[in-house]
Amino acid sequence: MRQWNRLDTVLNRFVEEETLTGCGLQIYRDNQLIYNNCVGAASADGTRPLTQDTRLRLHSMSKTFTCAALMTLYDKGLFALNDPVAEYLPEFSNPVVCVSDTDINDVVPAKAPITIRHLLTMTSGLPYWSFLPGEGIIQDDILVTVNEMAEGFREGKTYELADFVKKIAQKPLRFHPGEHWLYGLNHTVVGRLAEVLSGKRLSEYLKEAIWEPIGLDHTCFYMHVPEDEEIADLMVARELCEALGRKIGKDVFPAARGKAFGSKEDVLPGTNMGIELPCGGMISTLRDLGRYYAMLANGGQWEGAQILSRRTIDLMRTNHLTAEQLPDFTHMINRGFGYGLGYRTMCNPAEAGFYLPDRSFGWDGACGNFGIANPDHRLALVFVEQSLPHHIDYTIPRVIAAMNADMEL
């Protein structure tokens, strides 16, 4: 029987040293669950243990489901990567690029249309909203829209994903499509594109195409979590509480250790508009995430269900960034990776500082969840926690090093 002494020690140390309140890890090899361990708590007071069935906020790990959903439609021959998005979403027919740092109305026509490839690879020029004010005039303008929608939702208004995407389409781009890589709202548009191509609400199509076929019984958008089921507390650092205007003791409550503050609500902007947010609004569990990444590692199959074709998965885990775009991407945990169709993909272990087989691919989320899969080795790893800011640059290299040592990958 394989011993996991190093890996067990690493996970326990994260909690003992108070870096994390709780964390969990699953590893699949050859379609078998070979490691499953959770340590620490899912609640700020330490009374609720973190388990493989604890519901967790995914934040940007939601993007991997959204992109996979669109690629199931690619497998059906419903679009090509170089199709202009405006063929399916006319609101993107006349994109413009802002050429000023101070005047959002100082724009020029985009040199090229936004394509579906641009959206999947985050090279369209669409930025995110500001998570904190002052990140840029376009980002701040999108934040105003996000806050207006959140206020409207609190007042009883209802919105659909289509409403938000139409507002996104009215914003100028940061650069001409294809010139750079920029982490932005691309995959929110991908989610809307999946709705148009499938003729179904995004949650309905995800359930039909991915979630139900592989038995992801506890994966959904946050508004669909049953009222009687709790989500793990979100552990928020004091400085982030203050920056987001949250009051400790009112909006968030002290954790037992006093280093983080727990919130039952999501404190990030954009998560409270009442829409199925494709880029960050999903909830899942370690068990469900493990099965999903195991499916990717198994070439798109799970227990007889073909979710994605193997060749499509190979396309998704191929680096699509050019030499000019790649420097925009390769920083922090992205060092040594390229970027495919919604997933980072391993290109250079020496640069990354840890070893994963070539073209291992996956993504992460703002509160520290991380997944990676490799169909060549039929290997999948999912690590979960719930803290803001996350500790991925600290946790993941250590987890992967210990995994490699314990299983001699």
Protein backbone atom coordinates (compact mmCIF):
# COMPACT_ATOMS: atom_id res chain seq x y z
CA MET A 1 0.00 0.00 0.00
CA ARG A 2 1.31 3.45 -0.98
CA GLN A 3 2.32 5.70 1.91
CA TRP A 4 1.46 9.41 1.77
CA ASN A 5 3.60 10.59 4.67
CA ARG A 6 4.94 13.71 2.95
CA LEU A 7 1.60 14.80 1.56
CA ASP A 8 -0.25 14.21 4.83
CA THR A 9 2.42 16.23 6.64
CA VAL A 10 2.15 19.15 4.20
CA LEU A 11 -1.65 19.43 4.51
CA ASN A 12 -1.53 19.21 8.28
CA ARG A 13 1.21 21.82 8.41
CA PHE A 14 -0.91 24.32 6.44
CA VAL A 15 -3.48 24.18 9.23
CA GLU A 16 -1.08 23.86 12.17
CA GLU A 17 0.91 26.91 11.08
CA GLU A 18 -2.41 28.77 10.64
CA THR A 19 -1.90 29.53 6.97
CA LEU A 20 -5.28 27.88 6.35
CA THR A 21 -8.27 27.09 8.52
CA GLY A 22 -8.95 23.95 6.52
CA CYS A 23 -8.01 22.29 3.24
CA GLY A 24 -8.59 19.12 1.25
CA LEU A 25 -6.91 17.19 -1.53
CA GLN A 26 -7.89 14.42 -3.91
CA ILE A 27 -5.67 12.64 -6.43
CA TYR A 28 -6.91 10.32 -9.17
CA ARG A 29 -4.67 7.98 -11.14
CA ASP A 30 -5.92 5.64 -13.87
CA ASN A 31 -9.47 6.65 -13.05
CA GLN A 32 -9.10 5.55 -9.42
CA LEU A 33 -9.21 7.78 -6.36
CA ILE A 34 -5.84 7.11 -4.74
CA TYR A 35 -5.64 9.98 -2.24
CA ASN A 36 -8.46 11.67 -0.32
CA ASN A 37 -7.68 13.76 2.73
CA CYS A 38 -9.28 16.77 4.41
CA VAL A 39 -7.87 18.56 7.46
CA GLY A 40 -9.04 21.47 9.54
CA ALA A 41 -12.35 23.30 9.62
CA ALA A 42 -14.93 24.69 7.23
CA SER A 43 -16.17 27.23 9.78
CA ALA A 44 -14.49 30.19 11.39
CA ASP A 45 -15.17 28.89 14.90
CA GLY A 46 -13.60 25.52 14.08
CA THR A 47 -16.68 23.49 14.95
CA ARG A 48 -17.53 22.29 11.43
CA PRO A 49 -14.90 20.04 9.82
CA LEU A 50 -13.97 20.39 6.18
CA THR A 51 -14.97 17.21 4.31
CA GLN A 52 -15.11 16.06 0.70
CA ASP A 53 -18.83 16.93 0.73
CA THR A 54 -18.50 20.47 2.13
CA ARG A 55 -19.93 22.99 -0.31
CA LEU A 56 -17.28 25.46 -1.47
CA ARG A 57 -17.20 28.69 -3.46
CA LEU A 58 -15.35 28.11 -6.72
CA HIS A 59 -14.89 31.71 -7.85
CA SER A 60 -12.77 31.54 -11.02
CA MET A 61 -12.62 27.75 -10.99
CA SER A 62 -16.15 28.15 -12.38
CA LYS A 63 -14.50 29.15 -15.64
CA THR A 64 -13.27 25.61 -16.29
CA PHE A 65 -16.86 24.32 -16.32
CA THR A 66 -18.00 27.20 -18.53
CA CYS A 67 -15.26 26.67 -21.10
CA ALA A 68 -15.79 22.91 -21.10
CA ALA A 69 -19.51 23.48 -21.71
CA LEU A 70 -18.74 25.58 -24.76
CA MET A 71 -16.29 22.99 -26.05
CA THR A 72 -18.96 20.28 -25.87
CA LEU A 73 -20.78 22.44 -28.41
CA TYR A 74 -17.57 22.67 -30.44
CA ASP A 75 -17.60 18.86 -30.51
CA LYS A 76 -21.06 19.10 -32.06
CA GLY A 77 -19.73 21.29 -34.88
CA LEU A 78 -21.79 24.31 -33.86
CA PHE A 79 -18.98 26.87 -34.19
CA ALA A 80 -15.33 27.34 -35.16
CA LEU A 81 -12.74 29.01 -32.96
CA ASN A 82 -12.12 31.82 -35.43
CA ASP A 83 -15.80 32.72 -35.79
CA PRO A 84 -16.52 36.35 -34.83
CA VAL A 85 -18.53 36.43 -31.61
CA ALA A 86 -20.87 38.97 -33.22
CA GLU A 87 -22.25 36.20 -35.46
CA TYR A 88 -23.93 34.81 -32.34
CA LEU A 89 -24.02 37.87 -30.04
CA PRO A 90 -24.76 40.94 -32.22
CA GLU A 91 -24.05 43.33 -29.35
CA PHE A 92 -20.34 42.76 -30.05
CA SER A 93 -20.62 43.88 -33.69
CA ASN A 94 -18.70 47.15 -33.36
CA PRO A 95 -16.02 46.82 -30.66
CA VAL A 96 -13.96 49.89 -29.79
CA VAL A 97 -10.66 50.27 -27.95
CA CYS A 98 -10.00 52.93 -25.31
CA VAL A 99 -6.76 54.78 -26.08
CA SER A 100 -6.67 56.97 -22.97
CA ASP A 101 -5.84 56.36 -19.31
CA THR A 102 -8.17 59.14 -18.18
CA ASP A 103 -11.06 59.40 -20.66
CA ILE A 104 -13.15 56.29 -21.23
CA ASN A 105 -14.83 57.95 -24.23
CA ASP A 106 -11.53 58.38 -26.09
CA VAL A 107 -11.88 55.33 -28.32
CA VAL A 108 -11.00 54.02 -31.77
CA PRO A 109 -12.60 51.17 -33.73
CA ALA A 110 -11.03 47.78 -33.02
CA LYS A 111 -8.72 46.60 -35.79
CA ALA A 112 -10.31 43.16 -35.81
CA PRO A 113 -13.51 41.51 -34.57
CA ILE A 114 -13.53 39.59 -31.30
CA THR A 115 -13.47 35.88 -32.09
CA ILE A 116 -14.47 32.92 -29.97
CA ARG A 117 -10.78 31.99 -29.76
CA HIS A 118 -10.07 35.45 -28.30
CA LEU A 119 -12.68 34.84 -25.59
CA LEU A 120 -11.46 31.38 -24.66
CA THR A 121 -7.80 32.49 -24.55
CA MET A 122 -8.50 35.85 -22.83
CA THR A 123 -6.94 37.84 -25.65
CA SER A 124 -10.03 39.87 -26.58
CA GLY A 125 -9.15 43.01 -24.62
CA LEU A 126 -12.14 42.68 -22.27
CA PRO A 127 -11.03 43.51 -18.72
CA TYR A 128 -12.58 42.51 -15.39
CA TRP A 129 -14.32 44.92 -13.08
CA SER A 130 -12.14 46.50 -10.41
CA PHE A 131 -12.07 44.38 -7.29
CA LEU A 132 -10.81 47.50 -5.56
CA PRO A 133 -11.36 51.01 -7.03
CA GLY A 134 -8.55 52.58 -9.02
CA GLU A 135 -7.46 49.62 -11.15
CA GLY A 136 -8.24 51.41 -14.43
CA ILE A 137 -10.95 53.55 -15.97
CA ILE A 138 -12.64 50.66 -17.80
CA GLN A 139 -12.39 48.35 -14.81
CA ASP A 140 -13.83 51.05 -12.53
CA ASP A 141 -16.67 51.66 -15.00
CA ILE A 142 -17.55 47.97 -15.05
CA LEU A 143 -17.48 47.96 -11.23
CA VAL A 144 -20.08 50.74 -11.26
CA THR A 145 -22.28 48.55 -13.47
CA VAL A 146 -21.75 45.54 -11.19
CA ASN A 147 -22.65 47.56 -8.10
CA GLU A 148 -25.74 49.01 -9.80
CA MET A 149 -26.94 45.53 -10.68
CA ALA A 150 -26.24 44.31 -7.15
CA GLU A 151 -28.26 47.20 -5.74
CA GLY A 152 -31.07 46.50 -8.18
CA PHE A 153 -31.07 42.84 -7.15
CA ARG A 154 -31.30 43.83 -3.49
CA GLU A 155 -34.30 45.99 -4.38
CA GLY A 156 -36.07 43.06 -6.04
CA LYS A 157 -35.07 43.42 -9.68
CA THR A 158 -34.26 40.28 -11.62
CA TYR A 159 -31.50 39.90 -14.20
CA GLU A 160 -30.36 37.26 -16.63
CA LEU A 161 -26.84 36.54 -17.85
CA ALA A 162 -27.84 38.12 -21.18
CA ASP A 163 -28.47 41.45 -19.41
CA PHE A 164 -24.98 41.57 -17.96
CA VAL A 165 -23.29 40.51 -21.20
CA LYS A 166 -25.08 43.28 -23.11
CA LYS A 167 -23.70 45.77 -20.61
CA ILE A 168 -20.20 44.29 -21.02
CA ALA A 169 -20.48 44.70 -24.79
CA GLN A 170 -21.01 48.43 -24.34
CA LYS A 171 -17.63 48.86 -22.64
CA PRO A 172 -14.47 49.66 -24.61
CA LEU A 173 -11.63 47.16 -24.84
CA ARG A 174 -8.23 47.64 -23.25
CA PHE A 175 -6.42 46.72 -26.47
CA HIS A 176 -7.12 45.48 -29.98
CA PRO A 177 -8.27 41.83 -30.03
CA GLY A 178 -5.36 39.43 -30.21
CA GLU A 179 -2.62 41.91 -29.23
CA HIS A 180 -2.22 40.88 -25.58
CA TRP A 181 -3.44 38.51 -22.86
CA LEU A 182 -5.57 40.01 -20.08
CA TYR A 183 -7.52 38.28 -17.32
CA GLY A 184 -11.03 39.59 -17.87
CA LEU A 185 -14.72 38.91 -18.44
CA ASN A 186 -14.15 36.77 -21.51
CA HIS A 187 -15.56 33.60 -19.98
CA THR A 188 -18.71 35.39 -18.86
CA VAL A 189 -19.32 36.01 -22.56
CA VAL A 190 -18.39 32.37 -23.23
CA GLY A 191 -21.18 31.34 -20.86
CA ARG A 192 -23.70 33.47 -22.72
CA LEU A 193 -22.44 32.07 -26.02
CA ALA A 194 -23.08 28.56 -24.68
CA GLU A 195 -26.64 29.60 -23.90
CA VAL A 196 -27.23 30.90 -27.42
CA LEU A 197 -25.67 27.87 -29.11
CA SER A 198 -27.42 25.32 -26.90
CA GLY A 199 -30.74 27.15 -26.72
CA LYS A 200 -30.76 26.60 -22.96
CA ARG A 201 -30.05 28.47 -19.76
CA LEU A 202 -26.40 27.97 -18.80
CA SER A 203 -27.19 26.01 -15.63
CA GLU A 204 -29.54 23.74 -17.57
CA TYR A 205 -26.95 23.02 -20.23
CA LEU A 206 -24.16 22.45 -17.69
CA LYS A 207 -26.40 20.02 -15.82
CA GLU A 208 -27.27 18.17 -19.01
CA ALA A 209 -23.83 18.12 -20.64
CA ILE A 210 -21.45 17.77 -17.67
CA TRP A 211 -22.79 17.76 -14.15
CA GLU A 212 -25.38 14.96 -14.31
CA PRO A 213 -23.46 12.58 -16.64
CA ILE A 214 -20.51 12.43 -14.24
CA GLY A 215 -22.54 12.57 -11.04
CA LEU A 216 -21.72 16.05 -9.77
CA ASP A 217 -24.67 16.15 -7.39
CA HIS A 218 -23.49 19.15 -5.37
CA THR A 219 -22.29 21.46 -8.15
CA CYS A 220 -24.50 24.39 -9.09
CA PHE A 221 -24.67 28.17 -9.13
CA TYR A 222 -24.79 29.77 -5.70
CA MET A 223 -28.47 30.77 -5.94
CA HIS A 224 -29.43 27.13 -6.43
CA VAL A 225 -27.86 25.80 -3.22
CA PRO A 226 -30.68 24.39 -1.07
CA GLU A 227 -31.51 26.65 1.87
CA ASP A 228 -30.85 23.90 4.38
CA GLU A 229 -27.29 23.29 3.14
CA GLU A 230 -24.41 25.41 4.39
CA ILE A 231 -21.45 26.66 2.39
CA ALA A 232 -18.03 26.77 4.05
CA ASP A 233 -17.18 30.07 5.69
CA LEU A 234 -14.98 32.34 3.61
CA MET A 235 -11.86 33.30 5.58
CA VAL A 236 -11.08 36.95 4.83
CA ALA A 237 -7.91 38.77 5.86
CA ARG A 238 -8.39 41.93 7.92
CA GLU A 239 -6.80 44.20 5.30
CA LEU A 240 -9.12 42.87 2.61
CA CYS A 241 -12.19 43.34 4.81
CA GLU A 242 -11.25 46.97 5.28
CA ALA A 243 -10.43 47.52 1.60
CA LEU A 244 -13.81 46.08 0.57
CA GLY A 245 -15.65 48.19 3.12
CA ARG A 246 -16.70 45.23 5.26
CA LYS A 247 -16.90 45.71 9.02
CA ILE A 248 -15.50 42.97 11.22
CA GLY A 249 -18.19 42.01 13.68
CA LYS A 250 -21.00 43.13 11.38
CA ASP A 251 -20.39 41.71 7.92
CA VAL A 252 -17.81 39.14 9.00
CA PHE A 253 -17.10 37.38 12.28
CA PRO A 254 -13.79 36.56 13.99
CA ALA A 255 -12.18 33.21 13.46
CA ALA A 256 -10.93 31.31 16.48
CA ARG A 257 -7.29 32.10 15.68
CA GLY A 258 -7.91 35.79 15.04
CA LYS A 259 -5.82 35.84 11.86
CA ALA A 260 -8.77 35.63 9.50
CA PHE A 261 -12.42 36.57 9.64
CA GLY A 262 -15.18 34.29 8.48
CA SER A 263 -18.08 35.29 6.25
CA LYS A 264 -21.05 33.14 5.31
CA GLU A 265 -21.62 35.50 2.38
CA ASP A 266 -19.28 36.08 -0.54
CA VAL A 267 -17.56 39.43 -0.06
CA LEU A 268 -16.21 39.79 -3.62
CA PRO A 269 -17.89 42.28 -5.99
CA GLY A 270 -19.87 40.65 -8.79
CA THR A 271 -21.05 37.65 -6.79
CA ASN A 272 -24.30 39.26 -5.65
CA MET A 273 -26.10 40.29 -8.85
CA GLY A 274 -28.53 37.38 -8.83
CA ILE A 275 -27.29 35.95 -12.13
CA GLU A 276 -25.64 32.69 -13.06
CA LEU A 277 -22.15 34.17 -13.26
CA PRO A 278 -20.09 31.91 -15.59
CA CYS A 279 -16.74 33.30 -14.51
CA GLY A 280 -17.13 32.94 -10.76
CA GLY A 281 -20.56 32.05 -9.44
CA MET A 282 -20.49 28.29 -8.98
CA ILE A 283 -20.51 26.16 -5.84
CA SER A 284 -19.10 22.63 -5.63
CA THR A 285 -17.38 20.13 -3.34
CA LEU A 286 -14.01 18.41 -3.27
CA ARG A 287 -15.73 15.17 -4.25
CA ASP A 288 -17.38 16.72 -7.30
CA LEU A 289 -14.27 18.60 -8.38
CA GLY A 290 -12.22 15.42 -8.09
CA ARG A 291 -14.60 13.57 -10.40
CA TYR A 292 -14.60 16.44 -12.89
CA TYR A 293 -10.81 16.64 -13.13
CA ALA A 294 -10.61 12.85 -13.25
CA MET A 295 -12.89 13.01 -16.30
CA LEU A 296 -10.48 15.46 -17.96
CA ALA A 297 -7.57 13.18 -17.07
CA ASN A 298 -9.46 10.25 -18.56
CA GLY A 299 -9.61 11.87 -21.99
CA GLY A 300 -13.10 13.31 -21.56
CA GLN A 301 -14.79 10.09 -20.41
CA TRP A 302 -16.34 9.14 -17.09
CA GLU A 303 -18.01 5.81 -16.36
CA GLY A 304 -19.08 5.35 -19.97
CA ALA A 305 -20.17 8.95 -20.54
CA GLN A 306 -18.22 10.85 -23.23
CA ILE A 307 -18.22 14.48 -22.12
CA LEU A 308 -15.51 15.81 -24.44
CA SER A 309 -13.51 14.20 -27.21
CA ARG A 310 -9.87 13.43 -26.50
CA ARG A 311 -8.73 15.59 -29.42
CA THR A 312 -10.76 18.52 -28.14
CA ILE A 313 -9.15 18.13 -24.73
CA ASP A 314 -5.75 18.11 -26.42
CA LEU A 315 -6.70 21.36 -28.16
CA MET A 316 -7.81 22.86 -24.85
CA ARG A 317 -4.50 22.01 -23.16
CA THR A 318 -2.30 23.30 -25.99
CA ASN A 319 -0.71 26.71 -25.44
CA HIS A 320 -2.48 29.21 -27.71
CA LEU A 321 -0.55 32.31 -26.68
CA THR A 322 1.95 33.90 -29.02
CA ALA A 323 5.43 35.02 -28.01
CA GLU A 324 4.04 38.55 -27.76
CA GLN A 325 1.10 37.54 -25.56
CA LEU A 326 2.87 35.09 -23.26
CA PRO A 327 4.71 37.68 -21.09
CA ASP A 328 1.31 39.10 -20.06
CA PHE A 329 0.43 35.70 -18.60
CA THR A 330 3.58 34.24 -17.05
CA HIS A 331 3.71 35.64 -13.54
CA MET A 332 3.27 34.16 -10.05
CA ILE A 333 1.67 30.68 -10.23
CA ASN A 334 1.57 30.96 -14.04
CA ARG A 335 5.35 30.83 -14.35
CA GLY A 336 6.28 27.91 -16.60
CA PHE A 337 2.76 27.61 -17.97
CA GLY A 338 1.14 28.63 -21.21
CA TYR A 339 -2.57 29.26 -21.65
CA GLY A 340 -4.96 27.15 -23.69
CA LEU A 341 -8.72 27.34 -24.13
CA GLY A 342 -9.61 28.43 -20.61
CA TYR A 343 -6.87 26.51 -18.79
CA ARG A 344 -3.21 27.02 -17.92
CA THR A 345 -1.02 24.31 -19.43
CA MET A 346 2.41 23.18 -18.27
CA CYS A 347 5.22 24.08 -20.66
CA ASN A 348 8.37 24.48 -18.56
CA PRO A 349 8.70 22.78 -15.12
CA ALA A 350 12.10 24.44 -14.54
CA GLU A 351 10.52 27.87 -14.83
CA ALA A 352 7.52 26.83 -12.73
CA GLY A 353 9.74 25.51 -9.95
CA PHE A 354 7.82 22.24 -9.63
CA TYR A 355 7.31 19.23 -11.87
CA LEU A 356 4.14 18.35 -13.70
CA PRO A 357 4.07 16.36 -16.93
CA ASP A 358 3.97 18.32 -20.17
CA ARG A 359 0.58 19.90 -20.93
CA SER A 360 -0.93 19.19 -17.53
CA PHE A 361 -3.82 21.64 -17.52
CA GLY A 362 -6.27 23.26 -15.12
CA TRP A 363 -7.16 26.45 -13.28
CA ASP A 364 -7.80 27.91 -9.84
CA GLY A 365 -10.08 30.30 -7.95
CA ALA A 366 -9.79 33.43 -5.85
CA CYS A 367 -10.24 31.57 -2.56
CA GLY A 368 -7.49 29.03 -3.19
CA ASN A 369 -9.02 26.08 -5.03
CA PHE A 370 -6.75 24.53 -7.66
CA GLY A 371 -7.15 21.69 -10.16
CA ILE A 372 -4.84 20.04 -12.67
CA ALA A 373 -5.25 17.07 -15.04
CA ASN A 374 -3.05 15.16 -17.47
CA PRO A 375 -4.63 12.66 -19.88
CA ASP A 376 -1.25 11.22 -20.92
CA HIS A 377 -0.61 10.06 -17.35
CA ARG A 378 -4.31 9.75 -16.43
CA LEU A 379 -3.54 11.91 -13.41
CA ALA A 380 -5.78 14.48 -11.71
CA LEU A 381 -5.23 16.58 -8.60
CA VAL A 382 -7.68 18.92 -6.85
CA PHE A 383 -6.79 21.06 -3.84
CA VAL A 384 -9.42 23.11 -1.99
CA GLU A 385 -9.54 25.78 0.68
CA GLN A 386 -11.59 28.95 1.32
CA SER A 387 -9.54 32.06 2.04
CA LEU A 388 -9.16 35.59 0.68
CA PRO A 389 -6.60 36.40 -0.43
CA HIS A 390 -5.70 32.88 -1.49
CA HIS A 391 -2.37 31.16 -0.80
CA ILE A 392 -1.92 29.31 -4.09
CA ASP A 393 1.63 30.49 -4.70
CA TYR A 394 2.54 29.05 -1.29
CA THR A 395 0.41 25.89 -1.13
CA ILE A 396 0.50 24.43 -4.64
CA PRO A 397 4.28 24.09 -5.18
CA ARG A 398 4.52 22.34 -1.81
CA VAL A 399 1.56 20.04 -2.49
CA ILE A 400 2.88 19.03 -5.91
CA ALA A 401 6.42 18.44 -4.63
CA ALA A 402 5.11 16.18 -1.85
CA MET A 403 2.80 14.35 -4.25
CA ASN A 404 5.64 13.69 -6.67
CA ALA A 405 7.84 12.35 -3.87
CA ASP A 406 5.13 10.10 -2.44
CA MET A 407 4.01 8.62 -5.74
CA GLU A 408 7.23 8.91 -7.77
CA LEU A 409 5.48 10.57 -10.69
